Amino acid sequence: MAERSDYGLGSIWVISFDPSVGTEIRKTRPGLIVSGTIFNDKRSKVTVLPFTSARPSDPRLSPAVVEVTTSQQNGLSVDSLLVCIEPMTFDKARLSKYLGQLELELLQQVQSVLKRYLVL
């Protein structure tokens, strides 16, 4: 199991999104933890957003995604899109491998989209 601090806000993990229902995100893929570190340290669950390498066919989704290019800091192996309108809460057992940390500027973009999406 990973260190408790690895479950912090902004950390990127390989996550098993299966089993899924209906049109939910499927398969094992990277995901970003968006729940607060203080909560994550005390709970067995975290809230995450999925990454995808697919480009959205619907241009209306553009404001709902953040483009993330690979870097040594984030540990992603391919340039990806972070789907900011599909938060999911999972048990930490679904998180199999720590990849890295999202860059601060990108995390702030994600939080901005989430605030608009959740009308906070």
PDB file of N, CA and C in Angstrom:
ATOM      1  N   MET A   1       0.845  -1.184   0.000  1.00  0.00           N
ATOM      2  CA  MET A   1       0.000   0.000   0.000  1.00  0.00           C
ATOM      3  C   MET A   1       0.888   1.244   0.000  1.00  0.00           C
ATOM      4  N   ALA A   2       0.400   2.294  -0.597  1.00  0.00           N
ATOM      5  CA  ALA A   2       1.168   3.533  -0.723  1.00  0.00           C
ATOM      6  C   ALA A   2       1.229   4.278   0.605  1.00  0.00           C
ATOM      7  N   GLU A   3       2.108   5.244   0.644  1.00  0.00           N
ATOM      8  CA  GLU A   3       2.187   6.120   1.810  1.00  0.00           C
ATOM      9  C   GLU A   3       0.929   6.983   1.856  1.00  0.00           C
ATOM     10  N   ARG A   4       0.529   7.354   3.042  1.00  0.00           N
ATOM     11  CA  ARG A   4      -0.680   8.164   3.196  1.00  0.00           C
ATOM     12  C   ARG A   4      -0.595   9.465   2.413  1.00  0.00           C
ATOM     13  N   SER A   5       0.575  10.089   2.377  1.00  0.00           N
ATOM     14  CA  SER A   5       0.720  11.372   1.692  1.00  0.00           C
ATOM     15  C   SER A   5       0.555  11.243   0.178  1.00  0.00           C
ATOM     16  N   ASP A   6       0.725  10.029  -0.363  1.00  0.00           N
ATOM     17  CA  ASP A   6       0.562   9.834  -1.798  1.00  0.00           C
ATOM     18  C   ASP A   6      -0.890   9.964  -2.245  1.00  0.00           C
ATOM     19  N   TYR A   7      -1.827   9.920  -1.298  1.00  0.00           N
ATOM     20  CA  TYR A   7      -3.243  10.060  -1.628  1.00  0.00           C
ATOM     21  C   TYR A   7      -3.681  11.517  -1.567  1.00  0.00           C
ATOM     22  N   GLY A   8      -2.765  12.421  -1.692  1.00  0.00           N
ATOM     23  CA  GLY A   8      -3.068  13.838  -1.573  1.00  0.00           C
ATOM     24  C   GLY A   8      -3.751  14.421  -2.792  1.00  0.00           C
ATOM     25  N   LEU A   9      -4.382  15.555  -2.574  1.00  0.00           N
ATOM     26  CA  LEU A   9      -4.987  16.332  -3.648  1.00  0.00           C
ATOM     27  C   LEU A   9      -3.957  16.550  -4.749  1.00  0.00           C
ATOM     28  N   GLY A  10      -4.326  16.262  -5.985  1.00  0.00           N
ATOM     29  CA  GLY A  10      -3.450  16.498  -7.121  1.00  0.00           C
ATOM     30  C   GLY A  10      -2.573  15.319  -7.493  1.00  0.00           C
ATOM     31  N   SER A  11      -2.639  14.220  -6.725  1.00  0.00           N
ATOM     32  CA  SER A  11      -1.815  13.067  -7.087  1.00  0.00           C
ATOM     33  C   SER A  11      -2.500  12.249  -8.185  1.00  0.00           C
ATOM     34  N   ILE A  12      -1.685  11.645  -9.020  1.00  0.00           N
ATOM     35  CA  ILE A  12      -2.169  10.879 -10.167  1.00  0.00           C
ATOM     36  C   ILE A  12      -1.878   9.408  -9.931  1.00  0.00           C
ATOM     37  N   TRP A  13      -2.892   8.586 -10.129  1.00  0.00           N
ATOM     38  CA  TRP A  13      -2.820   7.145  -9.888  1.00  0.00           C
ATOM     39  C   TRP A  13      -3.356   6.375 -11.082  1.00  0.00           C
ATOM     40  N   VAL A  14      -2.921   5.138 -11.232  1.00  0.00           N
ATOM     41  CA  VAL A  14      -3.585   4.195 -12.134  1.00  0.00           C
ATOM     42  C   VAL A  14      -4.753   3.641 -11.324  1.00  0.00           C
ATOM     43  N   ILE A  15      -5.962   3.725 -11.903  1.00  0.00           N
ATOM     44  CA  ILE A  15      -7.188   3.377 -11.184  1.00  0.00           C
ATOM     45  C   ILE A  15      -8.027   2.422 -12.021  1.00  0.00           C
ATOM     46  N   SER A  16      -8.596   1.430 -11.368  1.00  0.00           N
ATOM     47  CA  SER A  16      -9.530   0.522 -12.022  1.00  0.00           C
ATOM     48  C   SER A  16     -10.934   1.124 -11.934  1.00  0.00           C
ATOM     49  N   PHE A  17     -11.461   1.570 -13.058  1.00  0.00           N
ATOM     50  CA  PHE A  17     -12.793   2.163 -13.100  1.00  0.00           C
ATOM     51  C   PHE A  17     -13.874   1.101 -13.321  1.00  0.00           C
ATOM     52  N   ASP A  18     -13.478  -0.146 -13.525  1.00  0.00           N
ATOM     53  CA  ASP A  18     -14.442  -1.237 -13.700  1.00  0.00           C
ATOM     54  C   ASP A  18     -14.730  -1.889 -12.353  1.00  0.00           C
ATOM     55  N   PRO A  19     -15.913  -2.424 -12.121  1.00  0.00           N
ATOM     56  CA  PRO A  19     -17.013  -2.461 -13.076  1.00  0.00           C
ATOM     57  C   PRO A  19     -17.688  -1.089 -13.174  1.00  0.00           C
ATOM     58  N   SER A  20     -18.147  -0.784 -14.346  1.00  0.00           N
ATOM     59  CA  SER A  20     -18.858   0.466 -14.579  1.00  0.00           C
ATOM     60  C   SER A  20     -20.278   0.136 -15.022  1.00  0.00           C
ATOM     61  N   VAL A  21     -21.130   1.134 -14.980  1.00  0.00           N
ATOM     62  CA  VAL A  21     -22.526   0.963 -15.352  1.00  0.00           C
ATOM     63  C   VAL A  21     -22.865   1.974 -16.435  1.00  0.00           C
ATOM     64  N   GLY A  22     -23.618   1.544 -17.442  1.00  0.00           N
ATOM     65  CA  GLY A  22     -24.078   2.457 -18.487  1.00  0.00           C
ATOM     66  C   GLY A  22     -22.934   3.144 -19.201  1.00  0.00           C
ATOM     67  N   THR A  23     -22.958   4.465 -19.205  1.00  0.00           N
ATOM     68  CA  THR A  23     -21.960   5.245 -19.941  1.00  0.00           C
ATOM     69  C   THR A  23     -20.818   5.732 -19.054  1.00  0.00           C
ATOM     70  N   GLU A  24     -20.677   5.178 -17.843  1.00  0.00           N
ATOM     71  CA  GLU A  24     -19.581   5.577 -16.968  1.00  0.00           C
ATOM     72  C   GLU A  24     -18.241   5.241 -17.605  1.00  0.00           C
ATOM     73  N   ILE A  25     -17.212   5.980 -17.188  1.00  0.00           N
ATOM     74  CA  ILE A  25     -15.848   5.718 -17.640  1.00  0.00           C
ATOM     75  C   ILE A  25     -15.495   4.278 -17.331  1.00  0.00           C
ATOM     76  N   ARG A  26     -14.826   3.621 -18.285  1.00  0.00           N
ATOM     77  CA  ARG A  26     -14.472   2.213 -18.132  1.00  0.00           C
ATOM     78  C   ARG A  26     -12.968   2.021 -18.100  1.00  0.00           C
ATOM     79  N   LYS A  27     -12.583   0.841 -17.789  1.00  0.00           N
ATOM     80  CA  LYS A  27     -11.248   0.248 -17.817  1.00  0.00           C
ATOM     81  C   LYS A  27     -10.287   0.871 -16.818  1.00  0.00           C
ATOM     82  N   THR A  28      -9.088   0.346 -16.788  1.00  0.00           N
ATOM     83  CA  THR A  28      -8.038   0.849 -15.916  1.00  0.00           C
ATOM     84  C   THR A  28      -7.311   1.960 -16.653  1.00  0.00           C
ATOM     85  N   ARG A  29      -7.185   3.096 -15.996  1.00  0.00           N
ATOM     86  CA  ARG A  29      -6.610   4.290 -16.617  1.00  0.00           C
ATOM     87  C   ARG A  29      -6.108   5.218 -15.522  1.00  0.00           C
ATOM     88  N   PRO A  30      -5.312   6.224 -15.873  1.00  0.00           N
ATOM     89  CA  PRO A  30      -4.901   7.199 -14.860  1.00  0.00           C
ATOM     90  C   PRO A  30      -6.089   8.035 -14.392  1.00  0.00           C
ATOM     91  N   GLY A  31      -6.011   8.453 -13.148  1.00  0.00           N
ATOM     92  CA  GLY A  31      -7.010   9.337 -12.575  1.00  0.00           C
ATOM     93  C   GLY A  31      -6.338  10.309 -11.622  1.00  0.00           C
ATOM     94  N   LEU A  32      -6.981  11.439 -11.413  1.00  0.00           N
ATOM     95  CA  LEU A  32      -6.461  12.499 -10.554  1.00  0.00           C
ATOM     96  C   LEU A  32      -7.293  12.570  -9.278  1.00  0.00           C
ATOM     97  N   ILE A  33      -6.644  12.569  -8.130  1.00  0.00           N
ATOM     98  CA  ILE A  33      -7.369  12.746  -6.870  1.00  0.00           C
ATOM     99  C   ILE A  33      -7.712  14.227  -6.711  1.00  0.00           C
ATOM    100  N   VAL A  34      -9.016  14.504  -6.522  1.00  0.00           N
ATOM    101  CA  VAL A  34      -9.471  15.886  -6.363  1.00  0.00           C
ATOM    102  C   VAL A  34     -10.060  16.145  -4.979  1.00  0.00           C
ATOM    103  N   SER A  35     -10.175  15.118  -4.154  1.00  0.00           N
ATOM    104  CA  SER A  35     -10.635  15.339  -2.777  1.00  0.00           C
ATOM    105  C   SER A  35      -9.455  15.833  -1.943  1.00  0.00           C
ATOM    106  N   GLY A  36      -9.767  16.536  -0.882  1.00  0.00           N
ATOM    107  CA  GLY A  36      -8.748  17.167  -0.051  1.00  0.00           C
ATOM    108  C   GLY A  36      -7.879  16.182   0.709  1.00  0.00           C
ATOM    109  N   THR A  37      -6.608  16.494   0.815  1.00  0.00           N
ATOM    110  CA  THR A  37      -5.627  15.626   1.464  1.00  0.00           C
ATOM    111  C   THR A  37      -6.025  15.297   2.898  1.00  0.00           C
ATOM    112  N   ILE A  38      -6.526  16.262   3.652  1.00  0.00           N
ATOM    113  CA  ILE A  38      -6.915  16.016   5.043  1.00  0.00           C
ATOM    114  C   ILE A  38      -7.997  14.942   5.102  1.00  0.00           C
ATOM    115  N   PHE A  39      -8.974  15.003   4.211  1.00  0.00           N
ATOM    116  CA  PHE A  39     -10.024  13.984   4.161  1.00  0.00           C
ATOM    117  C   PHE A  39      -9.442  12.644   3.725  1.00  0.00           C
ATOM    118  N   ASN A  40      -8.596  12.678   2.718  1.00  0.00           N
ATOM    119  CA  ASN A  40      -8.028  11.440   2.175  1.00  0.00           C
ATOM    120  C   ASN A  40      -7.198  10.687   3.206  1.00  0.00           C
ATOM    121  N   ASP A  41      -6.504  11.412   4.066  1.00  0.00           N
ATOM    122  CA  ASP A  41      -5.688  10.778   5.102  1.00  0.00           C
ATOM    123  C   ASP A  41      -6.537  10.022   6.114  1.00  0.00           C
ATOM    124  N   LYS A  42      -7.767  10.467   6.312  1.00  0.00           N
ATOM    125  CA  LYS A  42      -8.616   9.886   7.346  1.00  0.00           C
ATOM    126  C   LYS A  42      -9.639   8.893   6.804  1.00  0.00           C
ATOM    127  N   ARG A  43      -9.852   8.878   5.505  1.00  0.00           N
ATOM    128  CA  ARG A  43     -10.900   8.037   4.924  1.00  0.00           C
ATOM    129  C   ARG A  43     -10.294   6.929   4.066  1.00  0.00           C
ATOM    130  N   SER A  44     -11.092   5.904   3.812  1.00  0.00           N
ATOM    131  CA  SER A  44     -10.649   4.807   2.944  1.00  0.00           C
ATOM    132  C   SER A  44     -11.023   5.070   1.485  1.00  0.00           C
ATOM    133  N   LYS A  45     -11.701   6.194   1.233  1.00  0.00           N
ATOM    134  CA  LYS A  45     -12.123   6.542  -0.123  1.00  0.00           C
ATOM    135  C   LYS A  45     -11.529   7.880  -0.549  1.00  0.00           C
ATOM    136  N   VAL A  46     -11.407   8.052  -1.863  1.00  0.00           N
ATOM    137  CA  VAL A  46     -10.964   9.318  -2.447  1.00  0.00           C
ATOM    138  C   VAL A  46     -11.860   9.641  -3.640  1.00  0.00           C
ATOM    139  N   THR A  47     -11.954  10.924  -3.974  1.00  0.00           N
ATOM    140  CA  THR A  47     -12.712  11.344  -5.148  1.00  0.00           C
ATOM    141  C   THR A  47     -11.717  11.645  -6.261  1.00  0.00           C
ATOM    142  N   VAL A  48     -12.002  11.099  -7.439  1.00  0.00           N
ATOM    143  CA  VAL A  48     -11.062  11.189  -8.559  1.00  0.00           C
ATOM    144  C   VAL A  48     -11.752  11.666  -9.831  1.00  0.00           C
ATOM    145  N   LEU A  49     -10.931  12.132 -10.750  1.00  0.00           N
ATOM    146  CA  LEU A  49     -11.357  12.449 -12.117  1.00  0.00           C
ATOM    147  C   LEU A  49     -10.568  11.565 -13.067  1.00  0.00           C
ATOM    148  N   PRO A  50     -11.192  11.075 -14.134  1.00  0.00           N
ATOM    149  CA  PRO A  50     -10.491  10.205 -15.079  1.00  0.00           C
ATOM    150  C   PRO A  50      -9.725  10.986 -16.145  1.00  0.00           C
ATOM    151  N   PHE A  51      -8.619  10.398 -16.582  1.00  0.00           N
ATOM    152  CA  PHE A  51      -7.896  10.880 -17.759  1.00  0.00           C
ATOM    153  C   PHE A  51      -8.345  10.058 -18.955  1.00  0.00           C
ATOM    154  N   THR A  52      -8.275  10.651 -20.146  1.00  0.00           N
ATOM    155  CA  THR A  52      -8.513   9.919 -21.376  1.00  0.00           C
ATOM    156  C   THR A  52      -7.549  10.433 -22.440  1.00  0.00           C
ATOM    157  N   SER A  53      -7.197   9.555 -23.362  1.00  0.00           N
ATOM    158  CA  SER A  53      -6.361   9.989 -24.488  1.00  0.00           C
ATOM    159  C   SER A  53      -7.234  10.282 -25.704  1.00  0.00           C
ATOM    160  N   ALA A  54      -8.517   9.938 -25.619  1.00  0.00           N
ATOM    161  CA  ALA A  54      -9.452  10.189 -26.723  1.00  0.00           C
ATOM    162  C   ALA A  54      -9.819  11.663 -26.771  1.00  0.00           C
ATOM    163  N   ARG A  55      -9.951  12.179 -27.953  1.00  0.00           N
ATOM    164  CA  ARG A  55     -10.365  13.567 -28.136  1.00  0.00           C
ATOM    165  C   ARG A  55     -11.887  13.612 -28.219  1.00  0.00           C
ATOM    166  N   PRO A  56     -12.518  14.537 -27.508  1.00  0.00           N
ATOM    167  CA  PRO A  56     -13.982  14.579 -27.543  1.00  0.00           C
ATOM    168  C   PRO A  56     -14.494  14.960 -28.923  1.00  0.00           C
ATOM    169  N   SER A  57     -15.513  14.241 -29.383  1.00  0.00           N
ATOM    170  CA  SER A  57     -16.107  14.552 -30.691  1.00  0.00           C
ATOM    171  C   SER A  57     -17.090  15.714 -30.572  1.00  0.00           C
ATOM    172  N   ASP A  58     -17.535  15.984 -29.384  1.00  0.00           N
ATOM    173  CA  ASP A  58     -18.491  17.056 -29.145  1.00  0.00           C
ATOM    174  C   ASP A  58     -17.738  18.305 -28.683  1.00  0.00           C
ATOM    175  N   PRO A  59     -17.730  19.374 -29.495  1.00  0.00           N
ATOM    176  CA  PRO A  59     -16.978  20.586 -29.129  1.00  0.00           C
ATOM    177  C   PRO A  59     -17.495  21.252 -27.857  1.00  0.00           C
ATOM    178  N   ARG A  60     -18.722  20.944 -27.446  1.00  0.00           N
ATOM    179  CA  ARG A  60     -19.257  21.521 -26.210  1.00  0.00           C
ATOM    180  C   ARG A  60     -18.525  21.005 -24.978  1.00  0.00           C
ATOM    181  N   LEU A  61     -17.780  19.894 -25.119  1.00  0.00           N
ATOM    182  CA  LEU A  61     -17.037  19.342 -23.983  1.00  0.00           C
ATOM    183  C   LEU A  61     -15.717  20.062 -23.735  1.00  0.00           C
ATOM    184  N   SER A  62     -15.260  20.839 -24.699  1.00  0.00           N
ATOM    185  CA  SER A  62     -13.960  21.512 -24.561  1.00  0.00           C
ATOM    186  C   SER A  62     -13.798  22.265 -23.245  1.00  0.00           C
ATOM    187  N   PRO A  63     -14.799  23.017 -22.780  1.00  0.00           N
ATOM    188  CA  PRO A  63     -14.624  23.711 -21.499  1.00  0.00           C
ATOM    189  C   PRO A  63     -14.617  22.761 -20.295  1.00  0.00           C
ATOM    190  N   ALA A  64     -14.940  21.504 -20.507  1.00  0.00           N
ATOM    191  CA  ALA A  64     -15.034  20.541 -19.405  1.00  0.00           C
ATOM    192  C   ALA A  64     -13.792  19.681 -19.245  1.00  0.00           C
ATOM    193  N   VAL A  65     -12.789  19.904 -20.097  1.00  0.00           N
ATOM    194  CA  VAL A  65     -11.569  19.106 -20.023  1.00  0.00           C
ATOM    195  C   VAL A  65     -10.351  20.013 -19.875  1.00  0.00           C
ATOM    196  N   VAL A  66      -9.299  19.446 -19.307  1.00  0.00           N
ATOM    197  CA  VAL A  66      -8.021  20.147 -19.187  1.00  0.00           C
ATOM    198  C   VAL A  66      -6.978  19.286 -19.884  1.00  0.00           C
ATOM    199  N   GLU A  67      -6.245  19.890 -20.805  1.00  0.00           N
ATOM    200  CA  GLU A  67      -5.189  19.165 -21.506  1.00  0.00           C
ATOM    201  C   GLU A  67      -3.962  19.045 -20.612  1.00  0.00           C
ATOM    202  N   VAL A  68      -3.426  17.813 -20.534  1.00  0.00           N
ATOM    203  CA  VAL A  68      -2.259  17.553 -19.700  1.00  0.00           C
ATOM    204  C   VAL A  68      -1.212  16.847 -20.562  1.00  0.00           C
ATOM    205  N   THR A  69      -0.077  17.494 -20.739  1.00  0.00           N
ATOM    206  CA  THR A  69       1.012  16.874 -21.489  1.00  0.00           C
ATOM    207  C   THR A  69       1.897  16.089 -20.524  1.00  0.00           C
ATOM    208  N   THR A  70       2.542  15.080 -21.056  1.00  0.00           N
ATOM    209  CA  THR A  70       3.397  14.240 -20.219  1.00  0.00           C
ATOM    210  C   THR A  70       4.536  15.070 -19.625  1.00  0.00           C
ATOM    211  N   SER A  71       4.910  14.703 -18.420  1.00  0.00           N
ATOM    212  CA  SER A  71       6.062  15.347 -17.772  1.00  0.00           C
ATOM    213  C   SER A  71       6.621  14.384 -16.740  1.00  0.00           C
ATOM    214  N   GLN A  72       7.825  14.654 -16.332  1.00  0.00           N
ATOM    215  CA  GLN A  72       8.441  13.842 -15.291  1.00  0.00           C
ATOM    216  C   GLN A  72       7.657  13.977 -13.986  1.00  0.00           C
ATOM    217  N   GLN A  73       7.112  15.158 -13.731  1.00  0.00           N
ATOM    218  CA  GLN A  73       6.366  15.404 -12.487  1.00  0.00           C
ATOM    219  C   GLN A  73       5.062  14.625 -12.428  1.00  0.00           C
ATOM    220  N   ASN A  74       4.304  14.600 -13.558  1.00  0.00           N
ATOM    221  CA  ASN A  74       2.993  13.943 -13.487  1.00  0.00           C
ATOM    222  C   ASN A  74       3.043  12.444 -13.784  1.00  0.00           C
ATOM    223  N   GLY A  75       4.091  11.970 -14.420  1.00  0.00           N
ATOM    224  CA  GLY A  75       4.257  10.532 -14.630  1.00  0.00           C
ATOM    225  C   GLY A  75       3.379   9.913 -15.695  1.00  0.00           C
ATOM    226  N   LEU A  76       2.635  10.730 -16.444  1.00  0.00           N
ATOM    227  CA  LEU A  76       1.796  10.185 -17.513  1.00  0.00           C
ATOM    228  C   LEU A  76       2.664   9.731 -18.680  1.00  0.00           C
ATOM    229  N   SER A  77       2.224   8.677 -19.375  1.00  0.00           N
ATOM    230  CA  SER A  77       3.007   8.159 -20.493  1.00  0.00           C
ATOM    231  C   SER A  77       2.552   8.708 -21.839  1.00  0.00           C
ATOM    232  N   VAL A  78       1.353   9.293 -21.889  1.00  0.00           N
ATOM    233  CA  VAL A  78       0.847   9.907 -23.123  1.00  0.00           C
ATOM    234  C   VAL A  78       0.146  11.217 -22.770  1.00  0.00           C
ATOM    235  N   ASP A  79       0.165  12.166 -23.714  1.00  0.00           N
ATOM    236  CA  ASP A  79      -0.601  13.392 -23.522  1.00  0.00           C
ATOM    237  C   ASP A  79      -2.064  13.002 -23.367  1.00  0.00           C
ATOM    238  N   SER A  80      -2.752  13.647 -22.441  1.00  0.00           N
ATOM    239  CA  SER A  80      -4.098  13.215 -22.081  1.00  0.00           C
ATOM    240  C   SER A  80      -5.015  14.395 -21.838  1.00  0.00           C
ATOM    241  N   LEU A  81      -6.287  14.083 -21.735  1.00  0.00           N
ATOM    242  CA  LEU A  81      -7.298  15.048 -21.326  1.00  0.00           C
ATOM    243  C   LEU A  81      -7.841  14.602 -19.982  1.00  0.00           C
ATOM    244  N   LEU A  82      -8.020  15.549 -19.092  1.00  0.00           N
ATOM    245  CA  LEU A  82      -8.614  15.268 -17.797  1.00  0.00           C
ATOM    246  C   LEU A  82     -10.088  15.654 -17.883  1.00  0.00           C
ATOM    247  N   VAL A  83     -10.974  14.697 -17.668  1.00  0.00           N
ATOM    248  CA  VAL A  83     -12.411  14.915 -17.779  1.00  0.00           C
ATOM    249  C   VAL A  83     -12.904  15.459 -16.436  1.00  0.00           C
ATOM    250  N   CYS A  84     -13.140  16.770 -16.383  1.00  0.00           N
ATOM    251  CA  CYS A  84     -13.411  17.441 -15.109  1.00  0.00           C
ATOM    252  C   CYS A  84     -14.870  17.381 -14.669  1.00  0.00           C
ATOM    253  N   ILE A  85     -15.730  16.781 -15.474  1.00  0.00           N
ATOM    254  CA  ILE A  85     -17.148  16.738 -15.118  1.00  0.00           C
ATOM    255  C   ILE A  85     -17.612  15.320 -14.798  1.00  0.00           C
ATOM    256  N   GLU A  86     -16.676  14.449 -14.431  1.00  0.00           N
ATOM    257  CA  GLU A  86     -17.035  13.081 -14.071  1.00  0.00           C
ATOM    258  C   GLU A  86     -16.370  12.649 -12.769  1.00  0.00           C
ATOM    259  N   PRO A  87     -16.564  13.428 -11.674  1.00  0.00           N
ATOM    260  CA  PRO A  87     -15.960  13.003 -10.411  1.00  0.00           C
ATOM    261  C   PRO A  87     -16.595  11.705  -9.912  1.00  0.00           C
ATOM    262  N   MET A  88     -15.759  10.827  -9.383  1.00  0.00           N
ATOM    263  CA  MET A  88     -16.221   9.552  -8.837  1.00  0.00           C
ATOM    264  C   MET A  88     -15.480   9.311  -7.524  1.00  0.00           C
ATOM    265  N   THR A  89     -16.160   8.710  -6.568  1.00  0.00           N
ATOM    266  CA  THR A  89     -15.543   8.386  -5.292  1.00  0.00           C
ATOM    267  C   THR A  89     -15.351   6.886  -5.200  1.00  0.00           C
ATOM    268  N   PHE A  90     -14.112   6.473  -4.943  1.00  0.00           N
ATOM    269  CA  PHE A  90     -13.743   5.063  -4.920  1.00  0.00           C
ATOM    270  C   PHE A  90     -12.974   4.725  -3.648  1.00  0.00           C
ATOM    271  N   ASP A  91     -13.038   3.458  -3.275  1.00  0.00           N
ATOM    272  CA  ASP A  91     -12.171   2.935  -2.230  1.00  0.00           C
ATOM    273  C   ASP A  91     -10.732   2.994  -2.752  1.00  0.00           C
ATOM    274  N   LYS A  92      -9.788   3.246  -1.864  1.00  0.00           N
ATOM    275  CA  LYS A  92      -8.378   3.331  -2.265  1.00  0.00           C
ATOM    276  C   LYS A  92      -7.866   2.019  -2.851  1.00  0.00           C
ATOM    277  N   ALA A  93      -8.578   0.921  -2.606  1.00  0.00           N
ATOM    278  CA  ALA A  93      -8.164  -0.374  -3.159  1.00  0.00           C
ATOM    279  C   ALA A  93      -8.194  -0.367  -4.686  1.00  0.00           C
ATOM    280  N   ARG A  94      -8.967   0.529  -5.291  1.00  0.00           N
ATOM    281  CA  ARG A  94      -9.004   0.636  -6.762  1.00  0.00           C
ATOM    282  C   ARG A  94      -7.756   1.323  -7.325  1.00  0.00           C
ATOM    283  N   LEU A  95      -7.008   2.000  -6.484  1.00  0.00           N
ATOM    284  CA  LEU A  95      -5.805   2.718  -6.920  1.00  0.00           C
ATOM    285  C   LEU A  95      -4.618   1.770  -6.832  1.00  0.00           C
ATOM    286  N   SER A  96      -4.017   1.467  -7.986  1.00  0.00           N
ATOM    287  CA  SER A  96      -2.982   0.425  -8.001  1.00  0.00           C
ATOM    288  C   SER A  96      -1.554   0.940  -8.088  1.00  0.00           C
ATOM    289  N   LYS A  97      -1.350   2.118  -8.664  1.00  0.00           N
ATOM    290  CA  LYS A  97       0.024   2.594  -8.835  1.00  0.00           C
ATOM    291  C   LYS A  97       0.054   4.114  -8.833  1.00  0.00           C
ATOM    292  N   TYR A  98       0.908   4.669  -7.988  1.00  0.00           N
ATOM    293  CA  TYR A  98       1.119   6.115  -7.933  1.00  0.00           C
ATOM    294  C   TYR A  98       2.005   6.523  -9.107  1.00  0.00           C
ATOM    295  N   LEU A  99       1.554   7.529  -9.889  1.00  0.00           N
ATOM    296  CA  LEU A  99       2.328   7.986 -11.050  1.00  0.00           C
ATOM    297  C   LEU A  99       3.071   9.285 -10.790  1.00  0.00           C
ATOM    298  N   GLY A 100       2.434  10.225 -10.109  1.00  0.00           N
ATOM    299  CA  GLY A 100       3.072  11.516  -9.894  1.00  0.00           C
ATOM    300  C   GLY A 100       2.080  12.551  -9.418  1.00  0.00           C
ATOM    301  N   GLN A 101       2.440  13.808  -9.636  1.00  0.00           N
ATOM    302  CA  GLN A 101       1.662  14.939  -9.140  1.00  0.00           C
ATOM    303  C   GLN A 101       1.341  15.875 -10.305  1.00  0.00           C
ATOM    304  N   LEU A 102       0.076  16.299 -10.389  1.00  0.00           N
ATOM    305  CA  LEU A 102      -0.307  17.248 -11.429  1.00  0.00           C
ATOM    306  C   LEU A 102       0.312  18.610 -11.133  1.00  0.00           C
ATOM    307  N   GLU A 103       0.754  19.281 -12.168  1.00  0.00           N
ATOM    308  CA  GLU A 103       1.347  20.602 -12.033  1.00  0.00           C
ATOM    309  C   GLU A 103       0.314  21.566 -11.436  1.00  0.00           C
ATOM    310  N   LEU A 104       0.767  22.478 -10.566  1.00  0.00           N
ATOM    311  CA  LEU A 104      -0.116  23.371  -9.823  1.00  0.00           C
ATOM    312  C   LEU A 104      -1.036  24.181 -10.737  1.00  0.00           C
ATOM    313  N   GLU A 105      -0.499  24.744 -11.812  1.00  0.00           N
ATOM    314  CA  GLU A 105      -1.319  25.552 -12.725  1.00  0.00           C
ATOM    315  C   GLU A 105      -2.462  24.717 -13.307  1.00  0.00           C
ATOM    316  N   LEU A 106      -2.176  23.471 -13.669  1.00  0.00           N
ATOM    317  CA  LEU A 106      -3.211  22.600 -14.221  1.00  0.00           C
ATOM    318  C   LEU A 106      -4.228  22.201 -13.154  1.00  0.00           C
ATOM    319  N   LEU A 107      -3.766  21.964 -11.935  1.00  0.00           N
ATOM    320  CA  LEU A 107      -4.679  21.637 -10.838  1.00  0.00           C
ATOM    321  C   LEU A 107      -5.639  22.799 -10.593  1.00  0.00           C
ATOM    322  N   GLN A 108      -5.138  24.017 -10.673  1.00  0.00           N
ATOM    323  CA  GLN A 108      -5.999  25.189 -10.496  1.00  0.00           C
ATOM    324  C   GLN A 108      -7.036  25.276 -11.618  1.00  0.00           C
ATOM    325  N   GLN A 109      -6.655  24.927 -12.856  1.00  0.00           N
ATOM    326  CA  GLN A 109      -7.614  24.895 -13.961  1.00  0.00           C
ATOM    327  C   GLN A 109      -8.702  23.851 -13.690  1.00  0.00           C
ATOM    328  N   VAL A 110      -8.296  22.678 -13.219  1.00  0.00           N
ATOM    329  CA  VAL A 110      -9.243  21.602 -12.898  1.00  0.00           C
ATOM    330  C   VAL A 110     -10.222  22.079 -11.827  1.00  0.00           C
ATOM    331  N   GLN A 111      -9.701  22.687 -10.773  1.00  0.00           N
ATOM    332  CA  GLN A 111     -10.571  23.158  -9.691  1.00  0.00           C
ATOM    333  C   GLN A 111     -11.545  24.221 -10.182  1.00  0.00           C
ATOM    334  N   SER A 112     -11.118  25.058 -11.101  1.00  0.00           N
ATOM    335  CA  SER A 112     -11.995  26.079 -11.669  1.00  0.00           C
ATOM    336  C   SER A 112     -13.147  25.438 -12.449  1.00  0.00           C
ATOM    337  N   VAL A 113     -12.835  24.432 -13.260  1.00  0.00           N
ATOM    338  CA  VAL A 113     -13.885  23.736 -14.018  1.00  0.00           C
ATOM    339  C   VAL A 113     -14.840  23.038 -13.052  1.00  0.00           C
ATOM    340  N   LEU A 114     -14.298  22.368 -12.042  1.00  0.00           N
ATOM    341  CA  LEU A 114     -15.143  21.682 -11.049  1.00  0.00           C
ATOM    342  C   LEU A 114     -16.073  22.651 -10.342  1.00  0.00           C
ATOM    343  N   LYS A 115     -15.581  23.819  -9.982  1.00  0.00           N
ATOM    344  CA  LYS A 115     -16.407  24.818  -9.308  1.00  0.00           C
ATOM    345  C   LYS A 115     -17.570  25.236 -10.202  1.00  0.00           C
ATOM    346  N   ARG A 116     -17.307  25.443 -11.486  1.00  0.00           N
ATOM    347  CA  ARG A 116     -18.383  25.813 -12.421  1.00  0.00           C
ATOM    348  C   ARG A 116     -19.368  24.657 -12.586  1.00  0.00           C
ATOM    349  N   TYR A 117     -18.844  23.460 -12.720  1.00  0.00           N
ATOM    350  CA  TYR A 117     -19.680  22.275 -12.931  1.00  0.00           C
ATOM    351  C   TYR A 117     -20.586  22.008 -11.720  1.00  0.00           C
ATOM    352  N   LEU A 118     -20.030  22.130 -10.521  1.00  0.00           N
ATOM    353  CA  LEU A 118     -20.785  21.841  -9.314  1.00  0.00           C
ATOM    354  C   LEU A 118     -21.516  23.084  -8.776  1.00  0.00           C
ATOM    355  N   VAL A 119     -21.381  24.218  -9.474  1.00  0.00           N
ATOM    356  CA  VAL A 119     -21.998  25.481  -9.116  1.00  0.00           C
ATOM    357  C   VAL A 119     -21.661  25.856  -7.662  1.00  0.00           C
ATOM    358  N   LEU A 120     -20.360  25.876  -7.387  1.00  0.00           N
ATOM    359  CA  LEU A 120     -19.874  26.225  -6.036  1.00  0.00           C
ATOM    360  C   LEU A 120     -19.418  27.675  -5.985  1.00  0.00           C
TER     361      LEU A 120
END
